């Protein structure tokens, strides 16, 4: 093969070897060598070093925790006084359910619309796609 291909490959591997050696010495100084990071540093070169630094800073700053439990007080819940159940039942019986109001649908020539919700429909639809209203029997 030509040197045009081998020179960039050798440079990439040389930089990767330097980064792998740096990562090994750094982790050895801390007392815990993780071989996976050495391999990532060798194969991915600068990208592996950036990934190692990113993961390491996340662990140091405890960013992997969503919320620091010491940073807030537990919430206080105030419950309303319980109303007698009899009053609630009487109120429910007295008020009739409101009837749904139909929207005023603006018909545009050439565009069929649902009479309930006003969304555009196809002439072959049996039910409206949005509200489910029957369009034809």
N, C-alpha and C. Protein backbone atom coordinates (compact mmCIF):
# COMPACT_ATOMS: atom_id res chain seq x y z
N UNK A 1 0.83 -1.19 0.00
CA UNK A 1 0.00 0.00 0.00
C UNK A 1 0.88 1.25 0.00
N UNK A 2 0.27 2.31 -0.40
CA UNK A 2 1.00 3.57 -0.46
C UNK A 2 1.16 4.15 0.94
N UNK A 3 2.11 5.03 1.05
CA UNK A 3 2.33 5.71 2.32
C UNK A 3 1.23 6.69 2.63
N UNK A 4 0.46 7.08 1.61
CA UNK A 4 -0.63 8.03 1.83
C UNK A 4 -1.66 7.48 2.81
N UNK A 5 -1.82 6.19 2.84
CA UNK A 5 -2.79 5.56 3.75
C UNK A 5 -2.14 5.26 5.10
N UNK A 6 -0.89 4.80 5.08
CA UNK A 6 -0.24 4.37 6.32
C UNK A 6 0.14 5.53 7.23
N UNK A 7 0.50 6.65 6.69
CA UNK A 7 0.94 7.78 7.54
C UNK A 7 -0.18 8.26 8.46
N UNK A 8 -1.40 8.53 7.97
CA UNK A 8 -2.47 8.95 8.90
C UNK A 8 -2.82 7.86 9.92
N UNK A 9 -2.78 6.59 9.49
CA UNK A 9 -3.09 5.50 10.42
C UNK A 9 -2.04 5.44 11.52
N UNK A 10 -0.78 5.56 11.16
CA UNK A 10 0.29 5.52 12.16
C UNK A 10 0.23 6.72 13.10
N UNK A 11 -0.11 7.88 12.57
CA UNK A 11 -0.24 9.07 13.42
C UNK A 11 -1.40 8.89 14.39
N UNK A 12 -2.53 8.37 13.89
CA UNK A 12 -3.71 8.12 14.74
C UNK A 12 -3.36 7.14 15.87
N UNK A 13 -2.66 6.06 15.53
CA UNK A 13 -2.30 5.06 16.54
C UNK A 13 -1.25 5.60 17.52
N UNK A 14 -0.35 6.44 17.04
CA UNK A 14 0.66 7.02 17.94
C UNK A 14 -0.01 7.96 18.94
N UNK A 15 -0.93 8.79 18.47
CA UNK A 15 -1.65 9.67 19.38
C UNK A 15 -2.48 8.84 20.35
N UNK A 16 -3.13 7.79 19.84
CA UNK A 16 -3.92 6.90 20.69
C UNK A 16 -3.07 6.22 21.74
N UNK A 17 -1.87 5.79 21.37
CA UNK A 17 -0.97 5.15 22.34
C UNK A 17 -0.55 6.14 23.42
N UNK A 18 -0.29 7.38 23.01
CA UNK A 18 0.07 8.40 24.00
C UNK A 18 -1.08 8.68 24.96
N UNK A 19 -2.28 8.77 24.44
CA UNK A 19 -3.45 9.02 25.29
C UNK A 19 -3.72 7.82 26.19
N UNK A 20 -3.58 6.60 25.66
CA UNK A 20 -3.77 5.40 26.48
C UNK A 20 -2.76 5.35 27.61
N UNK A 21 -1.51 5.71 27.33
CA UNK A 21 -0.48 5.74 28.37
C UNK A 21 -0.80 6.79 29.42
N UNK A 22 -1.27 7.97 28.98
CA UNK A 22 -1.65 9.03 29.91
C UNK A 22 -2.79 8.58 30.81
N UNK A 23 -3.82 7.96 30.21
CA UNK A 23 -4.97 7.50 31.00
C UNK A 23 -4.56 6.41 31.99
N UNK A 24 -3.68 5.50 31.55
CA UNK A 24 -3.21 4.43 32.45
C UNK A 24 -2.47 5.01 33.64
N UNK A 25 -1.56 5.95 33.39
CA UNK A 25 -0.80 6.55 34.50
C UNK A 25 -1.71 7.34 35.43
N UNK A 26 -2.68 8.07 34.88
CA UNK A 26 -3.60 8.85 35.69
C UNK A 26 -4.44 7.94 36.59
N UNK A 27 -4.97 6.86 36.02
CA UNK A 27 -5.79 5.94 36.83
C UNK A 27 -4.94 5.14 37.79
N UNK A 28 -3.70 4.83 37.42
CA UNK A 28 -2.81 4.10 38.32
C UNK A 28 -2.45 4.96 39.53
N UNK A 29 -2.30 6.27 39.31
CA UNK A 29 -2.01 7.19 40.41
C UNK A 29 -3.19 7.25 41.38
N UNK A 30 -4.42 7.16 40.84
CA UNK A 30 -5.61 7.19 41.69
C UNK A 30 -5.88 5.84 42.34
N UNK A 31 -5.23 4.79 41.86
CA UNK A 31 -5.35 3.48 42.49
C UNK A 31 -6.34 2.53 41.84
N UNK A 32 -6.98 2.94 40.78
CA UNK A 32 -7.94 2.05 40.13
C UNK A 32 -7.78 2.20 38.62
N UNK A 33 -7.24 1.16 37.99
CA UNK A 33 -7.03 1.17 36.54
C UNK A 33 -8.20 0.43 35.88
N UNK A 34 -8.90 1.13 35.02
CA UNK A 34 -9.98 0.51 34.25
C UNK A 34 -9.47 0.32 32.82
N UNK A 35 -9.31 -0.93 32.44
CA UNK A 35 -8.72 -1.27 31.15
C UNK A 35 -9.59 -0.79 30.00
N UNK A 36 -10.89 -0.73 30.21
CA UNK A 36 -11.79 -0.31 29.13
C UNK A 36 -11.47 1.12 28.70
N UNK A 37 -11.13 2.00 29.65
CA UNK A 37 -10.81 3.39 29.29
C UNK A 37 -9.47 3.47 28.56
N UNK A 38 -8.54 2.59 28.91
CA UNK A 38 -7.26 2.57 28.20
C UNK A 38 -7.50 2.13 26.75
N UNK A 39 -8.35 1.12 26.55
CA UNK A 39 -8.65 0.64 25.20
C UNK A 39 -9.40 1.71 24.40
N UNK A 40 -10.35 2.38 25.05
CA UNK A 40 -11.10 3.44 24.37
C UNK A 40 -10.16 4.58 23.99
N UNK A 41 -9.26 4.93 24.90
CA UNK A 41 -8.29 6.00 24.61
C UNK A 41 -7.38 5.64 23.46
N UNK A 42 -6.98 4.36 23.36
CA UNK A 42 -6.10 3.94 22.27
C UNK A 42 -6.84 3.92 20.94
N UNK A 43 -8.04 3.36 20.93
CA UNK A 43 -8.76 3.21 19.66
C UNK A 43 -9.39 4.51 19.16
N UNK A 44 -9.93 5.30 20.08
CA UNK A 44 -10.63 6.51 19.66
C UNK A 44 -9.79 7.77 19.79
N UNK A 45 -8.60 7.63 20.34
CA UNK A 45 -7.65 8.72 20.43
C UNK A 45 -8.23 9.91 21.19
N UNK A 46 -8.33 11.06 20.57
CA UNK A 46 -8.78 12.28 21.24
C UNK A 46 -10.23 12.15 21.68
N UNK A 47 -11.06 11.48 20.90
CA UNK A 47 -12.46 11.29 21.28
C UNK A 47 -12.57 10.46 22.56
N UNK A 48 -11.73 9.45 22.70
CA UNK A 48 -11.73 8.65 23.92
C UNK A 48 -11.31 9.46 25.13
N UNK A 49 -10.32 10.34 24.94
CA UNK A 49 -9.88 11.21 26.03
C UNK A 49 -11.00 12.16 26.44
N UNK A 50 -11.71 12.71 25.46
CA UNK A 50 -12.82 13.61 25.77
C UNK A 50 -13.93 12.88 26.52
N UNK A 51 -14.22 11.64 26.12
CA UNK A 51 -15.25 10.86 26.80
C UNK A 51 -14.83 10.57 28.24
N UNK A 52 -13.56 10.23 28.45
CA UNK A 52 -13.07 9.95 29.80
C UNK A 52 -13.18 11.18 30.69
N UNK A 53 -12.77 12.33 30.17
CA UNK A 53 -12.85 13.56 30.95
C UNK A 53 -14.30 13.91 31.26
N UNK A 54 -15.19 13.74 30.30
CA UNK A 54 -16.61 14.03 30.52
C UNK A 54 -17.22 13.15 31.59
N UNK A 55 -16.96 11.85 31.53
CA UNK A 55 -17.50 10.93 32.53
C UNK A 55 -16.90 11.21 33.90
N UNK A 56 -15.64 11.52 33.93
CA UNK A 56 -14.97 11.77 35.20
C UNK A 56 -15.51 13.03 35.88
N UNK A 57 -15.73 14.10 35.11
CA UNK A 57 -16.26 15.32 35.72
C UNK A 57 -17.70 15.12 36.17
N UNK A 58 -18.47 14.29 35.46
CA UNK A 58 -19.84 14.01 35.89
C UNK A 58 -19.83 13.29 37.23
N UNK A 59 -18.91 12.36 37.40
CA UNK A 59 -18.84 11.63 38.67
C UNK A 59 -18.36 12.53 39.80
N UNK A 60 -17.41 13.41 39.51
CA UNK A 60 -16.87 14.28 40.55
C UNK A 60 -17.90 15.29 41.03
N UNK A 61 -18.71 15.80 40.12
CA UNK A 61 -19.68 16.82 40.49
C UNK A 61 -21.03 16.24 40.87
N UNK A 62 -21.15 14.93 40.87
CA UNK A 62 -22.41 14.23 41.19
C UNK A 62 -23.55 14.73 40.32
N UNK A 63 -23.26 14.95 39.06
CA UNK A 63 -24.31 15.39 38.14
C UNK A 63 -25.20 14.24 37.73
N UNK A 64 -24.79 13.02 38.06
CA UNK A 64 -25.62 11.90 37.69
C UNK A 64 -26.85 11.80 38.58
N UNK A 65 -26.87 12.55 39.67
CA UNK A 65 -28.06 12.60 40.51
C UNK A 65 -28.96 13.72 39.99
N UNK A 66 -30.24 13.45 39.90
CA UNK A 66 -31.16 14.45 39.37
C UNK A 66 -31.32 15.62 40.33
N UNK A 67 -31.52 15.35 41.61
CA UNK A 67 -31.73 16.40 42.60
C UNK A 67 -30.93 16.03 43.84
N UNK A 68 -30.25 17.00 44.39
CA UNK A 68 -29.52 16.78 45.62
C UNK A 68 -30.53 16.72 46.76
N UNK A 69 -30.62 15.60 47.49
CA UNK A 69 -31.64 15.48 48.53
C UNK A 69 -31.44 16.45 49.69
N UNK A 70 -30.26 17.00 49.86
CA UNK A 70 -30.01 17.91 50.98
C UNK A 70 -30.40 19.35 50.64
N UNK A 71 -30.71 19.61 49.38
CA UNK A 71 -30.92 20.99 48.96
C UNK A 71 -32.33 21.52 49.22
N UNK A 72 -33.26 20.69 49.66
CA UNK A 72 -34.60 21.18 49.90
C UNK A 72 -35.22 20.47 51.10
N UNK A 73 -36.20 21.12 51.68
CA UNK A 73 -36.92 20.55 52.80
C UNK A 73 -38.06 19.68 52.27
N UNK A 74 -38.47 18.68 53.04
CA UNK A 74 -39.60 17.87 52.58
C UNK A 74 -40.87 18.71 52.56
N UNK A 75 -41.76 18.47 51.61
CA UNK A 75 -42.96 19.29 51.49
C UNK A 75 -43.94 19.05 52.64
N UNK A 76 -44.70 20.09 52.94
CA UNK A 76 -45.74 19.97 53.95
C UNK A 76 -47.08 19.96 53.23
N UNK A 77 -47.89 19.00 53.57
CA UNK A 77 -49.19 18.87 52.93
C UNK A 77 -50.26 19.36 53.89
N UNK A 78 -51.11 20.25 53.38
CA UNK A 78 -52.23 20.73 54.16
C UNK A 78 -53.50 20.19 53.52
N UNK A 79 -54.21 19.37 54.25
CA UNK A 79 -55.42 18.77 53.72
C UNK A 79 -56.62 19.59 54.13
N UNK A 80 -57.58 19.67 53.23
CA UNK A 80 -58.82 20.36 53.56
C UNK A 80 -59.61 19.51 54.55
N UNK A 81 -60.44 20.19 55.30
CA UNK A 81 -61.28 19.45 56.23
C UNK A 81 -62.25 18.60 55.43
N UNK A 82 -62.48 17.42 55.92
CA UNK A 82 -63.38 16.52 55.21
C UNK A 82 -64.81 16.98 55.36
N UNK A 83 -65.52 17.09 54.23
CA UNK A 83 -66.92 17.47 54.26
C UNK A 83 -67.75 16.21 54.49
N UNK A 84 -68.88 16.37 55.10
CA UNK A 84 -69.74 15.19 55.27
C UNK A 84 -70.13 14.62 53.91
N UNK A 85 -70.19 13.32 53.83
CA UNK A 85 -70.47 12.65 52.56
C UNK A 85 -71.90 12.89 52.11
N UNK A 86 -72.79 13.13 53.04
CA UNK A 86 -74.19 13.34 52.69
C UNK A 86 -74.37 14.62 51.87
N UNK A 87 -73.69 15.68 52.25
CA UNK A 87 -73.80 16.94 51.52
C UNK A 87 -73.27 16.79 50.10
N UNK A 88 -72.20 16.08 49.96
CA UNK A 88 -71.61 15.89 48.64
C UNK A 88 -72.56 15.13 47.74
N UNK A 89 -73.24 14.12 48.27
CA UNK A 89 -74.18 13.33 47.47
C UNK A 89 -75.37 14.18 47.05
N UNK A 90 -75.88 15.03 47.96
CA UNK A 90 -77.02 15.88 47.64
C UNK A 90 -76.66 16.90 46.55
N UNK A 91 -75.48 17.46 46.63
CA UNK A 91 -75.05 18.44 45.63
C UNK A 91 -74.93 17.80 44.26
N UNK A 92 -74.48 16.57 44.23
CA UNK A 92 -74.32 15.88 42.95
C UNK A 92 -75.68 15.59 42.32
N UNK A 93 -76.69 15.30 43.14
CA UNK A 93 -78.01 15.00 42.61
C UNK A 93 -78.71 16.25 42.09
N UNK A 94 -78.45 17.39 42.69
CA UNK A 94 -79.17 18.61 42.34
C UNK A 94 -78.73 19.18 41.00
N UNK A 95 -77.47 19.12 40.69
CA UNK A 95 -76.96 19.75 39.47
C UNK A 95 -76.99 18.77 38.30
N UNK A 96 -77.71 19.11 37.24
CA UNK A 96 -77.68 18.24 36.06
C UNK A 96 -76.36 18.43 35.31
N UNK A 97 -75.98 17.42 34.58
CA UNK A 97 -74.73 17.49 33.81
C UNK A 97 -74.90 18.47 32.66
N UNK A 98 -73.94 19.33 32.42
CA UNK A 98 -74.06 20.29 31.33
C UNK A 98 -73.97 19.58 29.98
N UNK A 99 -74.75 20.06 29.04
CA UNK A 99 -74.74 19.49 27.70
C UNK A 99 -73.57 20.09 26.92
N UNK A 100 -72.85 19.25 26.17
CA UNK A 100 -71.74 19.80 25.39
C UNK A 100 -72.27 20.72 24.29
N UNK A 101 -71.61 21.86 24.18
CA UNK A 101 -72.02 22.84 23.17
C UNK A 101 -71.30 22.54 21.86
N UNK A 102 -72.03 22.65 20.79
CA UNK A 102 -71.43 22.43 19.48
C UNK A 102 -70.72 23.70 19.05
N UNK A 103 -69.58 23.51 18.44
CA UNK A 103 -68.84 24.65 17.91
C UNK A 103 -69.51 25.12 16.63
N UNK A 104 -69.40 26.40 16.41
CA UNK A 104 -69.87 26.93 15.14
C UNK A 104 -68.80 26.64 14.10
N UNK A 105 -69.18 25.84 13.13
CA UNK A 105 -68.22 25.39 12.14
C UNK A 105 -68.37 26.23 10.88
N UNK A 106 -67.27 26.79 10.46
CA UNK A 106 -67.27 27.60 9.25
C UNK A 106 -67.01 26.68 8.07
N UNK A 107 -67.99 26.53 7.23
CA UNK A 107 -67.86 25.65 6.07
C UNK A 107 -67.16 26.41 4.94
N UNK A 108 -66.17 25.76 4.36
CA UNK A 108 -65.44 26.32 3.23
C UNK A 108 -65.77 25.46 2.02
N UNK A 109 -66.05 26.11 0.92
CA UNK A 109 -66.44 25.38 -0.29
C UNK A 109 -65.35 24.41 -0.71
N UNK A 110 -65.72 23.15 -0.90
CA UNK A 110 -64.78 22.14 -1.37
C UNK A 110 -64.09 21.37 -0.25
N UNK A 111 -64.21 21.81 1.01
CA UNK A 111 -63.56 21.12 2.12
C UNK A 111 -64.64 20.64 3.08
N UNK A 112 -64.92 19.33 3.12
CA UNK A 112 -65.92 18.85 4.07
C UNK A 112 -65.37 18.93 5.49
N UNK A 113 -66.24 19.29 6.43
CA UNK A 113 -65.84 19.45 7.83
C UNK A 113 -66.75 18.64 8.72
N UNK A 114 -66.24 18.26 9.88
CA UNK A 114 -67.03 17.55 10.89
C UNK A 114 -68.02 18.53 11.51
N UNK A 115 -69.28 18.16 11.64
CA UNK A 115 -70.25 19.07 12.23
C UNK A 115 -70.06 19.27 13.74
N UNK A 116 -69.35 18.35 14.40
CA UNK A 116 -69.14 18.45 15.84
C UNK A 116 -67.94 19.32 16.20
N UNK A 117 -66.77 18.97 15.63
CA UNK A 117 -65.54 19.66 16.05
C UNK A 117 -64.98 20.61 14.99
N UNK A 118 -65.40 20.47 13.75
CA UNK A 118 -64.96 21.38 12.71
C UNK A 118 -63.67 20.99 12.02
N UNK A 119 -63.14 19.81 12.30
CA UNK A 119 -61.90 19.41 11.65
C UNK A 119 -62.18 18.93 10.23
N UNK A 120 -61.19 19.04 9.37
CA UNK A 120 -61.35 18.62 7.99
C UNK A 120 -61.47 17.11 7.93
N UNK A 121 -62.39 16.63 7.10
CA UNK A 121 -62.62 15.19 6.97
C UNK A 121 -62.60 14.82 5.50
N UNK A 122 -62.53 13.53 5.25
CA UNK A 122 -62.59 13.02 3.89
C UNK A 122 -64.04 12.67 3.58
N UNK A 123 -64.40 12.70 2.33
CA UNK A 123 -65.77 12.38 1.96
C UNK A 123 -66.07 10.90 2.17
N UNK A 124 -65.03 10.06 2.31
CA UNK A 124 -65.25 8.63 2.53
C UNK A 124 -65.21 8.25 4.01
N UNK A 125 -64.96 9.19 4.92
CA UNK A 125 -64.89 8.88 6.35
C UNK A 125 -66.27 8.56 6.90
N UNK A 126 -66.32 7.57 7.79
CA UNK A 126 -67.56 7.23 8.48
C UNK A 126 -67.61 7.94 9.83
N UNK A 127 -66.45 8.07 10.46
CA UNK A 127 -66.33 8.77 11.74
C UNK A 127 -65.25 9.84 11.63
N UNK A 128 -65.38 10.87 12.46
CA UNK A 128 -64.38 11.95 12.50
C UNK A 128 -63.11 11.41 13.16
N UNK A 129 -61.97 11.74 12.61
CA UNK A 129 -60.69 11.27 13.17
C UNK A 129 -60.36 11.94 14.50
N UNK A 130 -60.80 13.17 14.68
CA UNK A 130 -60.46 13.91 15.90
C UNK A 130 -61.41 13.61 17.05
N UNK A 131 -62.72 13.75 16.82
CA UNK A 131 -63.66 13.63 17.94
C UNK A 131 -64.42 12.31 17.93
N UNK A 132 -64.42 11.56 16.83
CA UNK A 132 -65.08 10.27 16.78
C UNK A 132 -66.57 10.35 16.50
N UNK A 133 -67.08 11.51 16.13
CA UNK A 133 -68.52 11.67 15.86
C UNK A 133 -68.88 10.93 14.57
N UNK A 134 -70.09 10.34 14.57
CA UNK A 134 -70.57 9.65 13.37
C UNK A 134 -70.89 10.69 12.31
N UNK A 135 -70.40 10.44 11.09
CA UNK A 135 -70.62 11.38 10.01
C UNK A 135 -71.78 10.94 9.12
N UNK A 136 -71.93 9.62 8.97
CA UNK A 136 -73.06 9.10 8.21
C UNK A 136 -73.45 7.75 8.78
N UNK A 137 -74.65 7.37 8.50
CA UNK A 137 -75.22 6.15 9.09
C UNK A 137 -74.97 4.96 8.21
